[in-house]
Amino acid sequence: MARDIMITLLGKPGCHLCEDARAVVERVARDLDVPWEERDITRSEQDTEQYWEQIPVTLINGVQHDFWRVDEARLRAAIANLR
């Protein structure tokens, strides 16, 4: 039985790297039938402090996977390893 998997993309409005990351995450999530969510770090003081210098940040099941850029092959491999 496959574990539940959730991809979370952390970013902020106006971030061009976040827009690029969103396209990759959307594609991978769709292709692998995995749910994903997006979180605006400016809505949380803790997220802002923790991730401001790293966005976009990709989490898999709440664990940081990537930051600045999302490597599609690496994201796909990480998800495959959880199944």
Protein backbone atom coordinates (compact mmCIF):
# COMPACT_ATOMS: atom_id res chain seq x y z
CA MET A 1 0.00 0.00 0.00
CA ALA A 2 1.40 3.43 -0.96
CA ARG A 3 1.94 5.99 1.75
CA ASP A 4 -0.04 9.19 1.65
CA ILE A 5 2.04 11.84 -0.09
CA MET A 6 1.56 15.62 -0.05
CA ILE A 7 3.70 18.17 -1.88
CA THR A 8 3.74 21.66 -0.40
CA LEU A 9 5.11 24.65 -2.28
CA LEU A 10 6.11 27.62 -0.13
CA GLY A 11 6.38 30.97 -1.85
CA LYS A 12 5.18 34.55 -1.87
CA PRO A 13 3.33 36.84 -4.26
CA GLY A 14 5.43 38.40 -7.00
CA CYS A 15 8.15 35.73 -6.87
CA HIS A 16 9.07 34.67 -10.42
CA LEU A 17 10.96 31.59 -9.19
CA CYS A 18 7.80 30.57 -7.33
CA GLU A 19 5.82 30.76 -10.57
CA ASP A 20 8.38 28.49 -12.27
CA ALA A 21 8.28 26.08 -9.31
CA ARG A 22 4.47 26.03 -9.36
CA ALA A 23 4.47 24.86 -12.98
CA VAL A 24 6.84 21.99 -12.16
CA VAL A 25 4.95 20.95 -9.01
CA GLU A 26 1.59 21.07 -10.83
CA ARG A 27 2.93 18.89 -13.65
CA VAL A 28 4.55 16.32 -11.35
CA ALA A 29 1.53 16.16 -9.04
CA ARG A 30 -0.84 15.70 -11.98
CA ASP A 31 1.34 13.06 -13.68
CA LEU A 32 1.88 11.08 -10.47
CA ASP A 33 -1.64 11.65 -9.08
CA VAL A 34 -0.31 13.25 -5.90
CA PRO A 35 -2.05 16.09 -4.08
CA TRP A 36 -0.27 19.40 -3.61
CA GLU A 37 -0.86 22.69 -1.88
CA GLU A 38 0.67 26.13 -2.00
CA ARG A 39 1.42 28.23 1.07
CA ASP A 40 2.16 31.96 1.08
CA ILE A 41 4.97 32.51 3.59
CA THR A 42 3.91 36.13 4.13
CA ARG A 43 0.80 34.87 5.93
CA SER A 44 2.87 33.31 8.72
CA GLU A 45 5.57 35.02 10.75
CA GLN A 46 7.23 31.65 11.39
CA ASP A 47 7.24 30.72 7.68
CA THR A 48 8.59 34.16 6.78
CA GLU A 49 11.45 33.88 9.28
CA GLN A 50 12.29 30.30 8.33
CA TYR A 51 12.00 30.41 4.54
CA TRP A 52 12.40 34.05 3.36
CA GLU A 53 15.89 33.50 1.89
CA GLN A 54 15.05 30.13 0.32
CA ILE A 55 11.77 30.50 -1.58
CA PRO A 56 10.43 28.75 -3.39
CA VAL A 57 10.70 25.80 -1.05
CA THR A 58 9.26 22.38 -1.78
CA LEU A 59 8.21 20.08 1.06
CA ILE A 60 7.21 16.45 0.73
CA ASN A 61 5.07 15.32 3.64
CA GLY A 62 6.25 18.35 5.59
CA VAL A 63 9.97 17.66 5.08
CA GLN A 64 12.03 20.14 3.09
CA HIS A 65 12.98 18.66 -0.27
CA ASP A 66 14.28 21.57 -2.41
CA PHE A 67 14.65 25.33 -2.41
CA TRP A 68 15.21 28.11 -4.97
CA ARG A 69 14.52 25.85 -7.94
CA VAL A 70 12.49 22.66 -8.26
CA ASP A 71 14.32 19.91 -10.11
CA GLU A 72 11.55 17.93 -11.79
CA ALA A 73 13.48 14.65 -12.07
CA ARG A 74 14.57 14.86 -8.44
CA LEU A 75 11.00 15.56 -7.28
CA ARG A 76 9.65 12.63 -9.30
CA ALA A 77 12.35 10.32 -7.89
CA ALA A 78 11.64 11.39 -4.31
CA ILE A 79 7.95 10.65 -4.71
CA ALA A 80 8.65 7.31 -6.39
CA ASN A 81 10.84 6.36 -3.42
CA LEU A 82 7.91 6.97 -1.05
CA ARG A 83 5.56 4.64 -2.89
